[in-house]
Amino acid sequence: GGAPHLLDVGREVWSAQLVDMQPNGVPIWELDELL
C-alpha cells in the first residue's frame, strides 16, 4: 500500500557479446553498454 522504494519499467537496448554456448545450444551473452 505504500510508494515504491524502486520501480523501473520500460525498454532498454544494450550492446552485448556472445561469450559461449550452453550444452543445449542456447547462447550465453554478456551485456556491454546501455545504448
Full PDB file with SEQRES, HELIX, SHEET, SSBOND, CRYST1, ORIGX, SCALE, CONECT and MASTER records, all heavy atoms in Angstrom:
SEQRES   1 A   35  GLY GLY ALA PRO HIS LEU LEU ASP VAL GLY ARG GLU VAL          
SEQRES   2 A   35  TRP SER ALA GLN LEU VAL ASP MET GLN PRO ASN GLY VAL          
SEQRES   3 A   35  PRO ILE TRP GLU LEU ASP GLU LEU LEU                          
SHEET    1 AA1 2 TRP A  14  MET A  21  0                                        
SHEET    2 AA1 2 PRO A  27  LEU A  34 -1                                        
CRYST1    1.000    1.000    1.000  90.00  90.00  90.00 P 1           1          
ORIGX1      1.000000  0.000000  0.000000        0.00000                         
ORIGX2      0.000000  1.000000  0.000000        0.00000                         
ORIGX3      0.000000  0.000000  1.000000        0.00000                         
SCALE1      1.000000  0.000000  0.000000        0.00000                         
SCALE2      0.000000  1.000000  0.000000        0.00000                         
SCALE3      0.000000  0.000000  1.000000        0.00000                         
ATOM      1  N   GLY A   1       0.787  -1.229   0.000  1.00  0.00           N  
ATOM      2  CA  GLY A   1       0.000   0.000   0.000  1.00  0.00           C  
ATOM      3  C   GLY A   1       0.815   1.273   0.000  1.00  0.00           C  
ATOM      4  O   GLY A   1       0.245   2.365   0.050  1.00  0.00           O  
ATOM      5  N   GLY A   2       2.145   1.161  -0.035  1.00  0.00           N  
ATOM      6  CA  GLY A   2       2.977   2.358   0.019  1.00  0.00           C  
ATOM      7  C   GLY A   2       3.604   2.709  -1.316  1.00  0.00           C  
ATOM      8  O   GLY A   2       3.421   2.018  -2.314  1.00  0.00           O  
ATOM      9  N   ALA A   3       4.330   3.801  -1.310  1.00  0.00           N  
ATOM     10  CA  ALA A   3       5.031   4.243  -2.515  1.00  0.00           C  
ATOM     11  C   ALA A   3       6.165   3.271  -2.826  1.00  0.00           C  
ATOM     12  O   ALA A   3       6.686   2.602  -1.926  1.00  0.00           O  
ATOM     13  CB  ALA A   3       5.591   5.643  -2.302  1.00  0.00           C  
ATOM     14  N   PRO A   4       6.550   3.187  -4.077  1.00  0.00           N  
ATOM     15  CA  PRO A   4       7.631   2.245  -4.415  1.00  0.00           C  
ATOM     16  C   PRO A   4       8.976   2.706  -3.857  1.00  0.00           C  
ATOM     17  O   PRO A   4       9.288   3.889  -3.871  1.00  0.00           O  
ATOM     18  CB  PRO A   4       7.642   2.252  -5.947  1.00  0.00           C  
ATOM     19  CG  PRO A   4       7.000   3.527  -6.343  1.00  0.00           C  
ATOM     20  CD  PRO A   4       6.035   3.870  -5.250  1.00  0.00           C  
ATOM     21  N   HIS A   5       9.727   1.738  -3.330  1.00  0.00           N  
ATOM     22  CA  HIS A   5      11.112   2.015  -2.963  1.00  0.00           C  
ATOM     23  C   HIS A   5      11.929   2.150  -4.243  1.00  0.00           C  
ATOM     24  O   HIS A   5      12.799   2.998  -4.348  1.00  0.00           O  
ATOM     25  CB  HIS A   5      11.698   0.894  -2.093  1.00  0.00           C  
ATOM     26  CG  HIS A   5      11.062   0.778  -0.752  1.00  0.00           C  
ATOM     27  ND1 HIS A   5      11.103   1.789   0.179  1.00  0.00           N  
ATOM     28  CD2 HIS A   5      10.366  -0.237  -0.177  1.00  0.00           C  
ATOM     29  CE1 HIS A   5      10.477   1.409   1.266  1.00  0.00           C  
ATOM     30  NE2 HIS A   5      10.012   0.179   1.077  1.00  0.00           N  
ATOM     31  N   LEU A   6      11.627   1.273  -5.206  1.00  0.00           N  
ATOM     32  CA  LEU A   6      12.263   1.353  -6.523  1.00  0.00           C  
ATOM     33  C   LEU A   6      11.346   0.690  -7.541  1.00  0.00           C  
ATOM     34  O   LEU A   6      10.965  -0.463  -7.388  1.00  0.00           O  
ATOM     35  CB  LEU A   6      13.635   0.664  -6.515  1.00  0.00           C  
ATOM     36  CG  LEU A   6      14.407   0.686  -7.835  1.00  0.00           C  
ATOM     37  CD1 LEU A   6      14.628   2.108  -8.338  1.00  0.00           C  
ATOM     38  CD2 LEU A   6      15.740  -0.011  -7.693  1.00  0.00           C  
ATOM     39  N   LEU A   7      10.981   1.471  -8.562  1.00  0.00           N  
ATOM     40  CA  LEU A   7      10.159   0.981  -9.656  1.00  0.00           C  
ATOM     41  C   LEU A   7      10.887   1.318 -10.949  1.00  0.00           C  
ATOM     42  O   LEU A   7      11.278   2.468 -11.159  1.00  0.00           O  
ATOM     43  CB  LEU A   7       8.779   1.642  -9.661  1.00  0.00           C  
ATOM     44  CG  LEU A   7       7.901   1.336 -10.874  1.00  0.00           C  
ATOM     45  CD1 LEU A   7       7.461  -0.122 -10.864  1.00  0.00           C  
ATOM     46  CD2 LEU A   7       6.698   2.251 -10.920  1.00  0.00           C  
ATOM     47  N   ASP A   8      11.102   0.313 -11.785  1.00  0.00           N  
ATOM     48  CA  ASP A   8      11.770   0.523 -13.070  1.00  0.00           C  
ATOM     49  C   ASP A   8      11.028  -0.306 -14.115  1.00  0.00           C  
ATOM     50  O   ASP A   8      11.008  -1.530 -14.049  1.00  0.00           O  
ATOM     51  CB  ASP A   8      13.244   0.108 -12.981  1.00  0.00           C  
ATOM     52  CG  ASP A   8      14.054   0.558 -14.182  1.00  0.00           C  
ATOM     53  OD1 ASP A   8      13.516   1.314 -15.021  1.00  0.00           O  
ATOM     54  OD2 ASP A   8      15.225   0.153 -14.283  1.00  0.00           O  
ATOM     55  N   VAL A   9      10.387   0.378 -15.058  1.00  0.00           N  
ATOM     56  CA  VAL A   9       9.611  -0.286 -16.097  1.00  0.00           C  
ATOM     57  C   VAL A   9       9.852   0.444 -17.415  1.00  0.00           C  
ATOM     58  O   VAL A   9      10.020   1.661 -17.423  1.00  0.00           O  
ATOM     59  CB  VAL A   9       8.104  -0.324 -15.735  1.00  0.00           C  
ATOM     60  CG1 VAL A   9       7.528   1.060 -15.598  1.00  0.00           C  
ATOM     61  CG2 VAL A   9       7.321  -1.130 -16.737  1.00  0.00           C  
ATOM     62  N   GLY A  10       9.924  -0.293 -18.512  1.00  0.00           N  
ATOM     63  CA  GLY A  10      10.128   0.360 -19.804  1.00  0.00           C  
ATOM     64  C   GLY A  10      10.870  -0.512 -20.789  1.00  0.00           C  
ATOM     65  O   GLY A  10      10.640  -1.714 -20.876  1.00  0.00           O  
ATOM     66  N   ARG A  11      11.818   0.133 -21.491  1.00  0.00           N  
ATOM     67  CA  ARG A  11      12.563  -0.547 -22.561  1.00  0.00           C  
ATOM     68  C   ARG A  11      14.029  -0.138 -22.476  1.00  0.00           C  
ATOM     69  O   ARG A  11      14.334   1.046 -22.319  1.00  0.00           O  
ATOM     70  CB  ARG A  11      11.977  -0.129 -23.914  1.00  0.00           C  
ATOM     71  CG  ARG A  11      12.637  -0.737 -25.114  1.00  0.00           C  
ATOM     72  CD  ARG A  11      11.900  -0.272 -26.382  1.00  0.00           C  
ATOM     73  NE  ARG A  11      12.413  -0.908 -27.566  1.00  0.00           N  
ATOM     74  CZ  ARG A  11      13.352  -0.395 -28.349  1.00  0.00           C  
ATOM     75  NH1 ARG A  11      13.886   0.781 -28.065  1.00  0.00           N  
ATOM     76  NH2 ARG A  11      13.755  -1.049 -29.421  1.00  0.00           N  
ATOM     77  N   GLU A  12      14.910  -1.124 -22.577  1.00  0.00           N  
ATOM     78  CA  GLU A  12      16.354  -0.869 -22.598  1.00  0.00           C  
ATOM     79  C   GLU A  12      16.976  -1.586 -23.788  1.00  0.00           C  
ATOM     80  O   GLU A  12      16.591  -2.716 -24.104  1.00  0.00           O  
ATOM     81  CB  GLU A  12      17.025  -1.383 -21.317  1.00  0.00           C  
ATOM     82  CG  GLU A  12      16.629  -0.650 -20.063  1.00  0.00           C  
ATOM     83  CD  GLU A  12      17.337  -1.170 -18.828  1.00  0.00           C  
ATOM     84  OE1 GLU A  12      18.040  -2.197 -18.898  1.00  0.00           O  
ATOM     85  OE2 GLU A  12      17.172  -0.551 -17.775  1.00  0.00           O  
ATOM     86  N   VAL A  13      17.941  -0.916 -24.424  1.00  0.00           N  
ATOM     87  CA  VAL A  13      18.688  -1.513 -25.534  1.00  0.00           C  
ATOM     88  C   VAL A  13      20.159  -1.533 -25.130  1.00  0.00           C  
ATOM     89  O   VAL A  13      20.721  -0.486 -24.773  1.00  0.00           O  
ATOM     90  CB  VAL A  13      18.489  -0.726 -26.847  1.00  0.00           C  
ATOM     91  CG1 VAL A  13      19.298  -1.362 -27.969  1.00  0.00           C  
ATOM     92  CG2 VAL A  13      17.010  -0.657 -27.217  1.00  0.00           C  
ATOM     93  N   TRP A  14      20.777  -2.701 -25.189  1.00  0.00           N  
ATOM     94  CA  TRP A  14      22.161  -2.900 -24.770  1.00  0.00           C  
ATOM     95  C   TRP A  14      22.988  -3.467 -25.923  1.00  0.00           C  
ATOM     96  O   TRP A  14      22.489  -4.254 -26.722  1.00  0.00           O  
ATOM     97  CB  TRP A  14      22.231  -3.910 -23.626  1.00  0.00           C  
ATOM     98  CG  TRP A  14      21.703  -3.417 -22.317  1.00  0.00           C  
ATOM     99  CD1 TRP A  14      20.399  -3.300 -21.941  1.00  0.00           C  
ATOM    100  CD2 TRP A  14      22.477  -2.986 -21.200  1.00  0.00           C  
ATOM    101  NE1 TRP A  14      20.305  -2.832 -20.662  1.00  0.00           N  
ATOM    102  CE2 TRP A  14      21.577  -2.629 -20.177  1.00  0.00           C  
ATOM    103  CE3 TRP A  14      23.846  -2.883 -20.966  1.00  0.00           C  
ATOM    104  CZ2 TRP A  14      21.994  -2.168 -18.944  1.00  0.00           C  
ATOM    105  CZ3 TRP A  14      24.266  -2.430 -19.726  1.00  0.00           C  
ATOM    106  CH2 TRP A  14      23.347  -2.071 -18.736  1.00  0.00           C  
ATOM    107  N   SER A  15      24.275  -3.110 -25.938  1.00  0.00           N  
ATOM    108  CA  SER A  15      25.216  -3.855 -26.776  1.00  0.00           C  
ATOM    109  C   SER A  15      25.691  -5.037 -25.934  1.00  0.00           C  
ATOM    110  O   SER A  15      25.715  -4.969 -24.704  1.00  0.00           O  
ATOM    111  CB  SER A  15      26.389  -2.973 -27.209  1.00  0.00           C  
ATOM    112  OG  SER A  15      27.138  -2.553 -26.081  1.00  0.00           O  
ATOM    113  N   ALA A  16      26.044  -6.128 -26.591  1.00  0.00           N  
ATOM    114  CA  ALA A  16      26.446  -7.336 -25.871  1.00  0.00           C  
ATOM    115  C   ALA A  16      27.436  -8.122 -26.710  1.00  0.00           C  
ATOM    116  O   ALA A  16      27.654  -7.824 -27.890  1.00  0.00           O  
ATOM    117  CB  ALA A  16      25.213  -8.189 -25.548  1.00  0.00           C  
ATOM    118  N   GLN A  17      28.038  -9.126 -26.089  1.00  0.00           N  
ATOM    119  CA  GLN A  17      28.967 -10.028 -26.772  1.00  0.00           C  
ATOM    120  C   GLN A  17      28.555 -11.466 -26.505  1.00  0.00           C  
ATOM    121  O   GLN A  17      28.208 -11.821 -25.368  1.00  0.00           O  
ATOM    122  CB  GLN A  17      30.402  -9.836 -26.260  1.00  0.00           C  
ATOM    123  CG  GLN A  17      31.044  -8.537 -26.676  1.00  0.00           C  
ATOM    124  CD  GLN A  17      31.259  -8.468 -28.175  1.00  0.00           C  
ATOM    125  OE1 GLN A  17      31.646  -9.440 -28.804  1.00  0.00           O  
ATOM    126  NE2 GLN A  17      31.010  -7.310 -28.755  1.00  0.00           N  
ATOM    127  N   LEU A  18      28.585 -12.277 -27.533  1.00  0.00           N  
ATOM    128  CA  LEU A  18      28.360 -13.710 -27.390  1.00  0.00           C  
ATOM    129  C   LEU A  18      29.633 -14.299 -26.789  1.00  0.00           C  
ATOM    130  O   LEU A  18      30.707 -14.181 -27.368  1.00  0.00           O  
ATOM    131  CB  LEU A  18      28.067 -14.333 -28.757  1.00  0.00           C  
ATOM    132  CG  LEU A  18      27.798 -15.823 -28.806  1.00  0.00           C  
ATOM    133  CD1 LEU A  18      26.538 -16.166 -28.041  1.00  0.00           C  
ATOM    134  CD2 LEU A  18      27.678 -16.280 -30.253  1.00  0.00           C  
ATOM    135  N   VAL A  19      29.532 -14.904 -25.588  1.00  0.00           N  
ATOM    136  CA  VAL A  19      30.734 -15.400 -24.917  1.00  0.00           C  
ATOM    137  C   VAL A  19      30.839 -16.923 -24.905  1.00  0.00           C  
ATOM    138  O   VAL A  19      31.926 -17.463 -24.767  1.00  0.00           O  
ATOM    139  CB  VAL A  19      30.845 -14.851 -23.467  1.00  0.00           C  
ATOM    140  CG1 VAL A  19      31.064 -13.358 -23.481  1.00  0.00           C  
ATOM    141  CG2 VAL A  19      29.626 -15.203 -22.637  1.00  0.00           C  
ATOM    142  N   ASP A  20      29.706 -17.618 -25.063  1.00  0.00           N  
ATOM    143  CA  ASP A  20      29.753 -19.081 -25.024  1.00  0.00           C  
ATOM    144  C   ASP A  20      28.391 -19.622 -25.451  1.00  0.00           C  
ATOM    145  O   ASP A  20      27.457 -18.864 -25.677  1.00  0.00           O  
ATOM    146  CB  ASP A  20      30.090 -19.550 -23.599  1.00  0.00           C  
ATOM    147  CG  ASP A  20      30.714 -20.938 -23.559  1.00  0.00           C  
ATOM    148  OD1 ASP A  20      30.785 -21.602 -24.617  1.00  0.00           O  
ATOM    149  OD2 ASP A  20      31.129 -21.367 -22.469  1.00  0.00           O  
ATOM    150  N   MET A  21      28.316 -20.955 -25.534  1.00  0.00           N  
ATOM    151  CA  MET A  21      27.053 -21.628 -25.824  1.00  0.00           C  
ATOM    152  C   MET A  21      26.818 -22.665 -24.730  1.00  0.00           C  
ATOM    153  O   MET A  21      27.745 -23.368 -24.327  1.00  0.00           O  
ATOM    154  CB  MET A  21      27.108 -22.330 -27.182  1.00  0.00           C  
ATOM    155  CG  MET A  21      27.297 -21.401 -28.363  1.00  0.00           C  
ATOM    156  SD  MET A  21      25.888 -20.378 -28.730  1.00  0.00           S  
ATOM    157  CE  MET A  21      24.922 -21.492 -29.718  1.00  0.00           C  
ATOM    158  N   GLN A  22      25.598 -22.754 -24.236  1.00  0.00           N  
ATOM    159  CA  GLN A  22      25.252 -23.788 -23.279  1.00  0.00           C  
ATOM    160  C   GLN A  22      25.253 -25.143 -23.996  1.00  0.00           C  
ATOM    161  O   GLN A  22      25.124 -25.195 -25.222  1.00  0.00           O  
ATOM    162  CB  GLN A  22      23.864 -23.525 -22.689  1.00  0.00           C  
ATOM    163  CG  GLN A  22      23.774 -22.290 -21.839  1.00  0.00           C  
ATOM    164  CD  GLN A  22      22.379 -22.131 -21.248  1.00  0.00           C  
ATOM    165  OE1 GLN A  22      21.704 -23.100 -20.923  1.00  0.00           O  
ATOM    166  NE2 GLN A  22      21.946 -20.886 -21.115  1.00  0.00           N  
ATOM    167  N   PRO A  23      25.391 -26.238 -23.266  1.00  0.00           N  
ATOM    168  CA  PRO A  23      25.361 -27.559 -23.905  1.00  0.00           C  
ATOM    169  C   PRO A  23      24.073 -27.806 -24.707  1.00  0.00           C  
ATOM    170  O   PRO A  23      24.086 -28.537 -25.692  1.00  0.00           O  
ATOM    171  CB  PRO A  23      25.463 -28.536 -22.728  1.00  0.00           C  
ATOM    172  CG  PRO A  23      26.149 -27.761 -21.650  1.00  0.00           C  
ATOM    173  CD  PRO A  23      25.700 -26.331 -21.840  1.00  0.00           C  
ATOM    174  N   ASN A  24      22.958 -27.154 -24.314  1.00  0.00           N  
ATOM    175  CA  ASN A  24      21.699 -27.348 -25.040  1.00  0.00           C  
ATOM    176  C   ASN A  24      21.594 -26.464 -26.291  1.00  0.00           C  
ATOM    177  O   ASN A  24      20.587 -26.490 -26.985  1.00  0.00           O  
ATOM    178  CB  ASN A  24      20.500 -27.120 -24.117  1.00  0.00           C  
ATOM    179  CG  ASN A  24      20.426 -25.687 -23.590  1.00  0.00           C  
ATOM    180  OD1 ASN A  24      21.226 -24.826 -23.927  1.00  0.00           O  
ATOM    181  ND2 ASN A  24      19.448 -25.445 -22.737  1.00  0.00           N  
ATOM    182  N   GLY A  25      22.630 -25.654 -26.564  1.00  0.00           N  
ATOM    183  CA  GLY A  25      22.644 -24.821 -27.765  1.00  0.00           C  
ATOM    184  C   GLY A  25      22.194 -23.393 -27.558  1.00  0.00           C  
ATOM    185  O   GLY A  25      22.179 -22.600 -28.503  1.00  0.00           O  
ATOM    186  N   VAL A  26      21.824 -23.014 -26.340  1.00  0.00           N  
ATOM    187  CA  VAL A  26      21.389 -21.647 -26.069  1.00  0.00           C  
ATOM    188  C   VAL A  26      22.619 -20.755 -25.892  1.00  0.00           C  
ATOM    189  O   VAL A  26      23.529 -21.083 -25.130  1.00  0.00           O  
ATOM    190  CB  VAL A  26      20.504 -21.593 -24.804  1.00  0.00           C  
ATOM    191  CG1 VAL A  26      20.184 -20.158 -24.429  1.00  0.00           C  
ATOM    192  CG2 VAL A  26      19.225 -22.390 -25.029  1.00  0.00           C  
ATOM    193  N   PRO A  27      22.667 -19.604 -26.600  1.00  0.00           N  
ATOM    194  CA  PRO A  27      23.812 -18.701 -26.478  1.00  0.00           C  
ATOM    195  C   PRO A  27      23.909 -18.078 -25.077  1.00  0.00           C  
ATOM    196  O   PRO A  27      22.897 -17.881 -24.402  1.00  0.00           O  
ATOM    197  CB  PRO A  27      23.529 -17.606 -27.511  1.00  0.00           C  
ATOM    198  CG  PRO A  27      22.544 -18.207 -28.453  1.00  0.00           C  
ATOM    199  CD  PRO A  27      21.731 -19.165 -27.638  1.00  0.00           C  
ATOM    200  N   ILE A  28      25.132 -17.793 -24.678  1.00  0.00           N  
ATOM    201  CA  ILE A  28      25.397 -17.054 -23.440  1.00  0.00           C  
ATOM    202  C   ILE A  28      26.015 -15.731 -23.860  1.00  0.00           C  
ATOM    203  O   ILE A  28      27.054 -15.713 -24.525  1.00  0.00           O  
ATOM    204  CB  ILE A  28      26.360 -17.812 -22.509  1.00  0.00           C  
ATOM    205  CG1 ILE A  28      25.745 -19.158 -22.113  1.00  0.00           C  
ATOM    206  CG2 ILE A  28      26.693 -16.977 -21.276  1.00  0.00           C  
ATOM    207  CD1 ILE A  28      26.705 -20.067 -21.360  1.00  0.00           C  
ATOM    208  N   TRP A  29      25.350 -14.625 -23.499  1.00  0.00           N  
ATOM    209  CA  TRP A  29      25.892 -13.328 -23.857  1.00  0.00           C  
ATOM    210  C   TRP A  29      26.144 -12.507 -22.605  1.00  0.00           C  
ATOM    211  O   TRP A  29      25.597 -12.766 -21.545  1.00  0.00           O  
ATOM    212  CB  TRP A  29      25.000 -12.557 -24.826  1.00  0.00           C  
ATOM    213  CG  TRP A  29      23.517 -12.706 -24.679  1.00  0.00           C  
ATOM    214  CD1 TRP A  29      22.707 -13.504 -25.417  1.00  0.00           C  
ATOM    215  CD2 TRP A  29      22.649 -12.041 -23.749  1.00  0.00           C  
ATOM    216  NE1 TRP A  29      21.396 -13.374 -25.011  1.00  0.00           N  
ATOM    217  CE2 TRP A  29      21.334 -12.474 -23.992  1.00  0.00           C  
ATOM    218  CE3 TRP A  29      22.853 -11.122 -22.733  1.00  0.00           C  
ATOM    219  CZ2 TRP A  29      20.242 -12.018 -23.269  1.00  0.00           C  
ATOM    220  CZ3 TRP A  29      21.764 -10.664 -22.004  1.00  0.00           C  
ATOM    221  CH2 TRP A  29      20.487 -11.116 -22.290  1.00  0.00           C  
ATOM    222  N   GLU A  30      27.008 -11.522 -22.769  1.00  0.00           N  
ATOM    223  CA  GLU A  30      27.357 -10.632 -21.670  1.00  0.00           C  
ATOM    224  C   GLU A  30      27.065  -9.209 -22.120  1.00  0.00           C  
ATOM    225  O   GLU A  30      27.495  -8.797 -23.207  1.00  0.00           O  
ATOM    226  CB  GLU A  30      28.846 -10.808 -21.345  1.00  0.00           C  
ATOM    227  CG  GLU A  30      29.298 -10.088 -20.111  1.00  0.00           C  
ATOM    228  CD  GLU A  30      30.743 -10.455 -19.789  1.00  0.00           C  
ATOM    229  OE1 GLU A  30      30.973 -11.562 -19.280  1.00  0.00           O  
ATOM    230  OE2 GLU A  30      31.622  -9.626 -20.086  1.00  0.00           O  
ATOM    231  N   LEU A  31      26.342  -8.462 -21.309  1.00  0.00           N  
ATOM    232  CA  LEU A  31      25.995  -7.090 -21.654  1.00  0.00           C  
ATOM    233  C   LEU A  31      27.226  -6.191 -21.563  1.00  0.00           C  
ATOM    234  O   LEU A  31      28.021  -6.314 -20.635  1.00  0.00           O  
ATOM    235  CB  LEU A  31      24.899  -6.568 -20.729  1.00  0.00           C  
ATOM    236  CG  LEU A  31      23.558  -7.313 -20.783  1.00  0.00           C  
ATOM    237  CD1 LEU A  31      22.590  -6.754 -19.749  1.00  0.00           C  
ATOM    238  CD2 LEU A  31      22.963  -7.246 -22.171  1.00  0.00           C  
ATOM    239  N   ASP A  32      27.351  -5.276 -22.540  1.00  0.00           N  
ATOM    240  CA  ASP A  32      28.478  -4.339 -22.568  1.00  0.00           C  
ATOM    241  C   ASP A  32      28.072  -2.949 -22.109  1.00  0.00           C  
ATOM    242  O   ASP A  32      28.583  -2.442 -21.129  1.00  0.00           O  
ATOM    243  CB  ASP A  32      29.043  -4.211 -23.996  1.00  0.00           C  
ATOM    244  CG  ASP A  32      29.809  -5.431 -24.446  1.00  0.00           C  
ATOM    245  OD1 ASP A  32      30.341  -6.146 -23.598  1.00  0.00           O  
ATOM    246  OD2 ASP A  32      29.849  -5.666 -25.660  1.00  0.00           O  
ATOM    247  N   GLU A  33      27.157  -2.332 -22.854  1.00  0.00           N  
ATOM    248  CA  GLU A  33      26.854  -0.923 -22.637  1.00  0.00           C  
ATOM    249  C   GLU A  33      25.371  -0.660 -22.896  1.00  0.00           C  
ATOM    250  O   GLU A  33      24.803  -1.153 -23.871  1.00  0.00           O  
ATOM    251  CB  GLU A  33      27.703  -0.087 -23.598  1.00  0.00           C  
ATOM    252  CG  GLU A  33      27.478   1.393 -23.518  1.00  0.00           C  
ATOM    253  CD  GLU A  33      28.286   2.158 -24.559  1.00  0.00           C  
ATOM    254  OE1 GLU A  33      29.091   1.554 -25.283  1.00  0.00           O  
ATOM    255  OE2 GLU A  33      28.080   3.373 -24.635  1.00  0.00           O  
ATOM    256  N   LEU A  34      24.767   0.153 -22.029  1.00  0.00           N  
ATOM    257  CA  LEU A  34      23.389   0.573 -22.222  1.00  0.00           C  
ATOM    258  C   LEU A  34      23.360   1.624 -23.322  1.00  0.00           C  
ATOM    259  O   LEU A  34      23.982   2.685 -23.199  1.00  0.00           O  
ATOM    260  CB  LEU A  34      22.814   1.147 -20.924  1.00  0.00           C  
ATOM    261  CG  LEU A  34      21.382   1.655 -20.971  1.00  0.00           C  
ATOM    262  CD1 LEU A  34      20.405   0.532 -21.307  1.00  0.00           C  
ATOM    263  CD2 LEU A  34      21.006   2.313 -19.644  1.00  0.00           C  
ATOM    264  N   LEU A  35      22.661   1.323 -24.425  1.00  0.00           N  
ATOM    265  CA  LEU A  35      22.614   2.229 -25.572  1.00  0.00           C  
ATOM    266  C   LEU A  35      21.445   3.201 -25.491  1.00  0.00           C  
ATOM    267  O   LEU A  35      21.570   4.359 -25.895  1.00  0.00           O  
ATOM    268  CB  LEU A  35      22.538   1.428 -26.875  1.00  0.00           C  
ATOM    269  CG  LEU A  35      23.672   0.431 -27.110  1.00  0.00           C  
ATOM    270  CD1 LEU A  35      23.412  -0.375 -28.374  1.00  0.00           C  
ATOM    271  CD2 LEU A  35      25.005   1.152 -27.191  1.00  0.00           C  
TER     272      LEU A  35                                                      
MASTER        0    0    0    0    2    0    0    6  271    1    0    3          
END                                                                             
